[in-house]
Structures are given as C-alpha cells and as structure tokens.
Amino acid sequence: MVTRPVLVPVLELRPGDQVRRAGAWFTVAARPRPSDRWASVTWSYLGGSTHTANWLGRVPCVPAGADTEVPDMAKRGRARADHAQVAAQLRAQPGEWGPVSVYPAAYNARKIAVNIRLARDSFGVYGPAGAFEARTQALEDGTLVEARYIADQAWADALAALPTGADGTTGCLPAGPSRPSGEIT
C-alpha cells in the first residue's frame, strides 16, 4: 500500500520523513531548528542540503516508518500540481496558506499566482474569481506558489459593508419613492 503524502506543519518534521521539494523527494536528517533572525525554521536533509520555511508553514510529507515507497512525481524534472486537489484542500481549511507547487522560473510562478486569484484559463477550480489569494516566495531551487481560500470571509465582509436600512434590513440600494405602475413618463 502506498501512503499518499500529506501537508505536515514544519515543526512536526522528524528525521526519516520524506519531504517533497521542487518535484524531488528528500529525507529529513534533523529536526527543524529556529532561526535567530526571522520567524522561520531550518532543517537539513540527508546529503547535506538544508531548507528554510516559515515556522507556521506546511510541507508535503510521507512520515518516517510508513510502509510505503515515495511515488515518482517528477516526470519532466518537477512534479505537476494537481490543482483540483489543492483547491479542495484549501477550501477545507479557509484562511490558511497552503503550498500549490514550486516552479523553476519566478515569472511562471507569478503568472500561476495571478491565474489562481482570477480563476482564469485552466484554473477554474479556484473559482469564482477572488475566492483565493495567492503569493509567491523565492526559494533556493525555484519559486513557491502558496494560496489560501478567502471566499467565505470576503463574502461576509462584503455583506457587512452594504448599507443598512432604518428597519435593520440590508439592501444594495437606498430606499426611495417607487415609480407608479402603469404610467410611462
């Protein structure tokens, strides 16, 4: 049985965990340690490379000791994001940032982030437009795109901003005299 990777908070990483980064899988060698300058943590992988992330960040991970083989997701040099799955996971955790994918070129990452925000082209799963926020973050090996679902909060904010009538009801237009029916002026 192959265990599917899950998004794990970086503070919960343990030696032996398999972490996906830029389409490749790396084995964690040491627990994350806090940075003395930023709100971030750094951990090392077997082979000597390191990675730094926000201490509240999440990474795709297969826990150590799981009876599994890490799936080969890097067919053309990097893993392709399953945007339908990512959008569903983010909708299940409104307001929380989650990784979409890492892109080798910063330009492509920024373009993906814009398409997610606008839910255009093949990114309709992030619809309607404005339901998701997206941001990019430069990494050693590419540019990370992260997104979060905000539609529920945005809708509540929009309703709260509507004018309220004297009777306490919310409407789009202020109350005014109605036009007499049957007469065209």
C-alpha atoms as a PDB file:
ATOM      1  CA  MET A   1       0.000   0.000   0.000  1.00  0.00           C
ATOM      2  CA  VAL A   2       1.359   3.410  -0.960  1.00  0.00           C
ATOM      3  CA  THR A   3       0.828   6.143   1.629  1.00  0.00           C
ATOM      4  CA  ARG A   4      -0.121   9.417  -0.005  1.00  0.00           C
ATOM      5  CA  PRO A   5       1.809  12.490   1.078  1.00  0.00           C
ATOM      6  CA  VAL A   6       0.004  14.888   3.423  1.00  0.00           C
ATOM      7  CA  LEU A   7       0.648  18.525   4.315  1.00  0.00           C
ATOM      8  CA  VAL A   8       2.524  18.479   7.621  1.00  0.00           C
ATOM      9  CA  PRO A   9       3.452  21.515   9.756  1.00  0.00           C
ATOM     10  CA  VAL A  10       7.228  22.019   9.511  1.00  0.00           C
ATOM     11  CA  LEU A  11       7.521  21.944  13.303  1.00  0.00           C
ATOM     12  CA  GLU A  12       6.346  18.312  13.240  1.00  0.00           C
ATOM     13  CA  LEU A  13       9.062  17.059  10.844  1.00  0.00           C
ATOM     14  CA  ARG A  14      11.157  14.184  12.216  1.00  0.00           C
ATOM     15  CA  PRO A  15      14.345  12.503  10.967  1.00  0.00           C
ATOM     16  CA  GLY A  16      13.466   9.957   8.291  1.00  0.00           C
ATOM     17  CA  ASP A  17      10.394  11.806   6.991  1.00  0.00           C
ATOM     18  CA  GLN A  18      10.246  12.124   3.192  1.00  0.00           C
ATOM     19  CA  VAL A  19       9.607  15.715   2.065  1.00  0.00           C
ATOM     20  CA  ARG A  20       8.787  16.790  -1.497  1.00  0.00           C
ATOM     21  CA  ARG A  21      10.674  19.819  -2.704  1.00  0.00           C
ATOM     22  CA  ALA A  22      10.775  21.074  -6.307  1.00  0.00           C
ATOM     23  CA  GLY A  23       9.454  17.759  -7.607  1.00  0.00           C
ATOM     24  CA  ALA A  24      12.017  15.576  -5.835  1.00  0.00           C
ATOM     25  CA  TRP A  25      11.821  13.705  -2.517  1.00  0.00           C
ATOM     26  CA  PHE A  26      14.320  14.396   0.260  1.00  0.00           C
ATOM     27  CA  THR A  27      14.858  12.560   3.559  1.00  0.00           C
ATOM     28  CA  VAL A  28      14.912  14.756   6.647  1.00  0.00           C
ATOM     29  CA  ALA A  29      18.165  14.302   8.617  1.00  0.00           C
ATOM     30  CA  ALA A  30      17.480  16.548  11.635  1.00  0.00           C
ATOM     31  CA  ARG A  31      14.530  18.235  13.328  1.00  0.00           C
ATOM     32  CA  PRO A  32      13.814  21.849  12.334  1.00  0.00           C
ATOM     33  CA  ARG A  33      15.686  24.482  14.363  1.00  0.00           C
ATOM     34  CA  PRO A  34      14.501  28.076  14.829  1.00  0.00           C
ATOM     35  CA  SER A  35      16.255  30.937  13.069  1.00  0.00           C
ATOM     36  CA  ASP A  36      17.717  33.672  15.242  1.00  0.00           C
ATOM     37  CA  ARG A  37      16.655  36.437  12.826  1.00  0.00           C
ATOM     38  CA  TRP A  38      13.279  35.585  11.310  1.00  0.00           C
ATOM     39  CA  ALA A  39      10.109  33.705  12.143  1.00  0.00           C
ATOM     40  CA  SER A  40      11.450  30.669  10.336  1.00  0.00           C
ATOM     41  CA  VAL A  41      12.949  27.255  10.939  1.00  0.00           C
ATOM     42  CA  THR A  42      15.745  25.424   9.125  1.00  0.00           C
ATOM     43  CA  TRP A  43      16.260  21.682   8.793  1.00  0.00           C
ATOM     44  CA  SER A  44      18.748  19.510   6.953  1.00  0.00           C
ATOM     45  CA  TYR A  45      18.348  16.601   4.574  1.00  0.00           C
ATOM     46  CA  LEU A  46      20.491  13.525   4.147  1.00  0.00           C
ATOM     47  CA  GLY A  47      23.255  14.545   1.778  1.00  0.00           C
ATOM     48  CA  GLY A  48      23.796  17.922   3.445  1.00  0.00           C
ATOM     49  CA  SER A  49      21.293  20.272   1.795  1.00  0.00           C
ATOM     50  CA  THR A  50      19.101  22.431   4.003  1.00  0.00           C
ATOM     51  CA  HIS A  51      15.715  24.087   3.721  1.00  0.00           C
ATOM     52  CA  THR A  52      14.203  27.101   5.478  1.00  0.00           C
ATOM     53  CA  ALA A  53      10.494  27.787   5.852  1.00  0.00           C
ATOM     54  CA  ASN A  54       8.132  29.924   7.903  1.00  0.00           C
ATOM     55  CA  TRP A  55       7.629  28.261  11.263  1.00  0.00           C
ATOM     56  CA  LEU A  56       3.874  28.056  10.567  1.00  0.00           C
ATOM     57  CA  GLY A  57       4.449  26.564   7.098  1.00  0.00           C
ATOM     58  CA  ARG A  58       3.371  23.138   5.874  1.00  0.00           C
ATOM     59  CA  VAL A  59       5.206  20.783   3.542  1.00  0.00           C
ATOM     60  CA  PRO A  60       4.121  17.690   1.589  1.00  0.00           C
ATOM     61  CA  CYS A  61       5.451  14.782   3.636  1.00  0.00           C
ATOM     62  CA  VAL A  62       5.380  10.999   3.961  1.00  0.00           C
ATOM     63  CA  PRO A  63       6.130  10.174   7.613  1.00  0.00           C
ATOM     64  CA  ALA A  64       9.140   8.047   8.540  1.00  0.00           C
ATOM     65  CA  GLY A  65       8.388   4.385   9.076  1.00  0.00           C
ATOM     66  CA  ALA A  66       5.318   4.409   6.842  1.00  0.00           C
ATOM     67  CA  ASP A  67       5.083   1.203   4.839  1.00  0.00           C
ATOM     68  CA  THR A  68       5.455   2.979   1.543  1.00  0.00           C
ATOM     69  CA  GLU A  69       7.526   3.885  -1.402  1.00  0.00           C
ATOM     70  CA  VAL A  70       7.634   7.563  -2.238  1.00  0.00           C
ATOM     71  CA  PRO A  71       5.790   7.998  -5.542  1.00  0.00           C
ATOM     72  CA  ASP A  72       7.816   9.217  -8.500  1.00  0.00           C
ATOM     73  CA  MET A  73       6.106  12.524  -9.211  1.00  0.00           C
ATOM     74  CA  ALA A  74       8.880  14.219 -11.168  1.00  0.00           C
ATOM     75  CA  LYS A  75       8.392  13.063 -14.729  1.00  0.00           C
ATOM     76  CA  ARG A  76       9.680  16.158 -16.501  1.00  0.00           C
ATOM     77  CA  GLY A  77      12.082  17.424 -13.871  1.00  0.00           C
ATOM     78  CA  ARG A  78       9.404  18.583 -11.431  1.00  0.00           C
ATOM     79  CA  ALA A  79       6.048  17.495 -10.103  1.00  0.00           C
ATOM     80  CA  ARG A  80       2.929  18.871 -11.737  1.00  0.00           C
ATOM     81  CA  ALA A  81       0.438  20.382  -9.337  1.00  0.00           C
ATOM     82  CA  ASP A  82      -2.965  18.732  -9.106  1.00  0.00           C
ATOM     83  CA  HIS A  83      -4.889  21.999  -8.886  1.00  0.00           C
ATOM     84  CA  ALA A  84      -8.275  20.357  -8.265  1.00  0.00           C
ATOM     85  CA  GLN A  85      -6.843  18.535  -5.234  1.00  0.00           C
ATOM     86  CA  VAL A  86      -5.011  21.641  -3.973  1.00  0.00           C
ATOM     87  CA  ALA A  87      -8.155  23.801  -4.301  1.00  0.00           C
ATOM     88  CA  ALA A  88     -10.221  21.194  -2.422  1.00  0.00           C
ATOM     89  CA  GLN A  89      -7.661  21.010   0.406  1.00  0.00           C
ATOM     90  CA  LEU A  90      -7.541  24.794   0.698  1.00  0.00           C
ATOM     91  CA  ARG A  91     -11.355  25.083   0.723  1.00  0.00           C
ATOM     92  CA  ALA A  92     -11.379  22.616   3.630  1.00  0.00           C
ATOM     93  CA  GLN A  93      -9.045  24.953   5.589  1.00  0.00           C
ATOM     94  CA  PRO A  94     -10.294  28.502   4.861  1.00  0.00           C
ATOM     95  CA  GLY A  95      -7.869  31.295   5.678  1.00  0.00           C
ATOM     96  CA  GLU A  96      -4.804  29.010   5.932  1.00  0.00           C
ATOM     97  CA  TRP A  97      -1.957  29.285   3.427  1.00  0.00           C
ATOM     98  CA  GLY A  98      -1.017  26.065   1.668  1.00  0.00           C
ATOM     99  CA  PRO A  99       1.574  25.197  -0.981  1.00  0.00           C
ATOM    100  CA  VAL A 100       0.472  24.845  -4.586  1.00  0.00           C
ATOM    101  CA  SER A 101       3.797  23.940  -6.213  1.00  0.00           C
ATOM    102  CA  VAL A 102       7.387  25.078  -6.755  1.00  0.00           C
ATOM    103  CA  TYR A 103       8.210  26.486 -10.185  1.00  0.00           C
ATOM    104  CA  PRO A 104      11.766  26.796 -11.567  1.00  0.00           C
ATOM    105  CA  ALA A 105      11.093  30.221 -13.131  1.00  0.00           C
ATOM    106  CA  ALA A 106       9.835  33.107 -10.986  1.00  0.00           C
ATOM    107  CA  TYR A 107       7.911  34.536 -13.959  1.00  0.00           C
ATOM    108  CA  ASN A 108       5.876  31.328 -14.303  1.00  0.00           C
ATOM    109  CA  ALA A 109       5.192  31.234 -10.574  1.00  0.00           C
ATOM    110  CA  ARG A 110       3.874  34.815 -10.619  1.00  0.00           C
ATOM    111  CA  LYS A 111       1.717  34.012 -13.654  1.00  0.00           C
ATOM    112  CA  ILE A 112       0.264  30.955 -11.864  1.00  0.00           C
ATOM    113  CA  ALA A 113      -0.483  33.080  -8.768  1.00  0.00           C
ATOM    114  CA  VAL A 114      -2.383  35.634 -10.883  1.00  0.00           C
ATOM    115  CA  ASN A 115      -4.340  32.868 -12.645  1.00  0.00           C
ATOM    116  CA  ILE A 116      -5.290  31.380  -9.262  1.00  0.00           C
ATOM    117  CA  ARG A 117      -6.537  34.751  -7.960  1.00  0.00           C
ATOM    118  CA  LEU A 118      -8.541  35.384 -11.134  1.00  0.00           C
ATOM    119  CA  ALA A 119      -9.605  31.726 -11.632  1.00  0.00           C
ATOM    120  CA  ARG A 120      -8.960  32.048 -15.357  1.00  0.00           C
ATOM    121  CA  ASP A 121      -7.889  29.711 -18.123  1.00  0.00           C
ATOM    122  CA  SER A 122      -7.323  26.198 -16.772  1.00  0.00           C
ATOM    123  CA  PHE A 123      -7.505  27.444 -13.155  1.00  0.00           C
ATOM    124  CA  GLY A 124     -11.301  27.479 -12.953  1.00  0.00           C
ATOM    125  CA  VAL A 125     -11.162  25.106  -9.953  1.00  0.00           C
ATOM    126  CA  TYR A 126     -10.097  28.169  -7.925  1.00  0.00           C
ATOM    127  CA  GLY A 127     -13.296  29.988  -8.892  1.00  0.00           C
ATOM    128  CA  PRO A 128     -15.075  32.210  -8.628  1.00  0.00           C
ATOM    129  CA  ALA A 129     -12.534  34.948  -9.242  1.00  0.00           C
ATOM    130  CA  GLY A 130     -11.353  36.399  -5.941  1.00  0.00           C
ATOM    131  CA  ALA A 131     -12.186  33.291  -3.905  1.00  0.00           C
ATOM    132  CA  PHE A 132      -8.462  32.587  -3.387  1.00  0.00           C
ATOM    133  CA  GLU A 133      -5.436  34.700  -2.566  1.00  0.00           C
ATOM    134  CA  ALA A 134      -2.064  33.621  -3.930  1.00  0.00           C
ATOM    135  CA  ARG A 135       1.505  34.660  -3.204  1.00  0.00           C
ATOM    136  CA  THR A 136       4.992  33.650  -4.272  1.00  0.00           C
ATOM    137  CA  GLN A 137       8.145  33.064  -2.260  1.00  0.00           C
ATOM    138  CA  ALA A 138      11.666  32.709  -3.650  1.00  0.00           C
ATOM    139  CA  LEU A 139      13.466  29.505  -2.655  1.00  0.00           C
ATOM    140  CA  GLU A 140      16.931  28.168  -3.408  1.00  0.00           C
ATOM    141  CA  ASP A 141      15.636  25.906  -6.154  1.00  0.00           C
ATOM    142  CA  GLY A 142      12.723  27.881  -7.582  1.00  0.00           C
ATOM    143  CA  THR A 143       9.700  29.929  -6.585  1.00  0.00           C
ATOM    144  CA  LEU A 144       6.994  28.561  -4.310  1.00  0.00           C
ATOM    145  CA  VAL A 145       3.362  29.440  -5.023  1.00  0.00           C
ATOM    146  CA  GLU A 146       1.075  29.400  -1.985  1.00  0.00           C
ATOM    147  CA  ALA A 147      -2.651  30.058  -1.888  1.00  0.00           C
ATOM    148  CA  ARG A 148      -5.466  30.351   0.615  1.00  0.00           C
ATOM    149  CA  TYR A 149      -9.239  30.234   0.360  1.00  0.00           C
ATOM    150  CA  ILE A 150     -10.883  33.500   1.429  1.00  0.00           C
ATOM    151  CA  ALA A 151     -14.314  33.481  -0.245  1.00  0.00           C
ATOM    152  CA  ASP A 152     -16.291  32.850   2.939  1.00  0.00           C
ATOM    153  CA  GLN A 153     -14.600  35.769   4.736  1.00  0.00           C
ATOM    154  CA  ALA A 154     -14.744  38.025   1.667  1.00  0.00           C
ATOM    155  CA  TRP A 155     -18.490  37.367   1.328  1.00  0.00           C
ATOM    156  CA  ALA A 156     -19.078  38.175   4.998  1.00  0.00           C
ATOM    157  CA  ASP A 157     -17.045  41.395   4.668  1.00  0.00           C
ATOM    158  CA  ALA A 158     -18.993  42.417   1.545  1.00  0.00           C
ATOM    159  CA  LEU A 159     -22.343  41.864   3.276  1.00  0.00           C
ATOM    160  CA  ALA A 160     -21.200  43.842   6.312  1.00  0.00           C
ATOM    161  CA  ALA A 161     -20.244  46.761   4.043  1.00  0.00           C
ATOM    162  CA  LEU A 162     -23.733  47.030   2.499  1.00  0.00           C
ATOM    163  CA  PRO A 163     -25.895  49.932   3.711  1.00  0.00           C
ATOM    164  CA  THR A 164     -28.447  49.096   6.376  1.00  0.00           C
ATOM    165  CA  GLY A 165     -31.972  50.473   6.249  1.00  0.00           C
ATOM    166  CA  ALA A 166     -33.898  52.053   9.140  1.00  0.00           C
ATOM    167  CA  ASP A 167     -35.709  48.759   9.668  1.00  0.00           C
ATOM    168  CA  GLY A 168     -32.383  46.888  10.048  1.00  0.00           C
ATOM    169  CA  THR A 169     -32.523  45.149   6.681  1.00  0.00           C
ATOM    170  CA  THR A 170     -29.540  45.149   4.359  1.00  0.00           C
ATOM    171  CA  GLY A 171     -30.017  46.212   0.773  1.00  0.00           C
ATOM    172  CA  CYS A 172     -27.972  47.238  -2.213  1.00  0.00           C
ATOM    173  CA  LEU A 173     -29.860  50.447  -2.924  1.00  0.00           C
ATOM    174  CA  PRO A 174     -31.153  53.075  -0.542  1.00  0.00           C
ATOM    175  CA  ALA A 175     -34.909  53.188  -0.128  1.00  0.00           C
ATOM    176  CA  GLY A 176     -36.692  55.782  -2.259  1.00  0.00           C
ATOM    177  CA  PRO A 177     -40.017  56.586  -3.846  1.00  0.00           C
ATOM    178  CA  SER A 178     -41.279  53.909  -6.193  1.00  0.00           C
ATOM    179  CA  ARG A 179     -42.392  54.657  -9.733  1.00  0.00           C
ATOM    180  CA  PRO A 180     -46.169  54.462 -10.254  1.00  0.00           C
ATOM    181  CA  SER A 181     -47.141  51.357 -12.165  1.00  0.00           C
ATOM    182  CA  GLY A 182     -48.898  51.611 -15.500  1.00  0.00           C
ATOM    183  CA  GLU A 183     -47.546  55.080 -16.330  1.00  0.00           C
ATOM    184  CA  ILE A 184     -44.563  55.629 -18.539  1.00  0.00           C
ATOM    185  CA  THR A 185     -43.041  59.046 -18.191  1.00  0.00           C
END
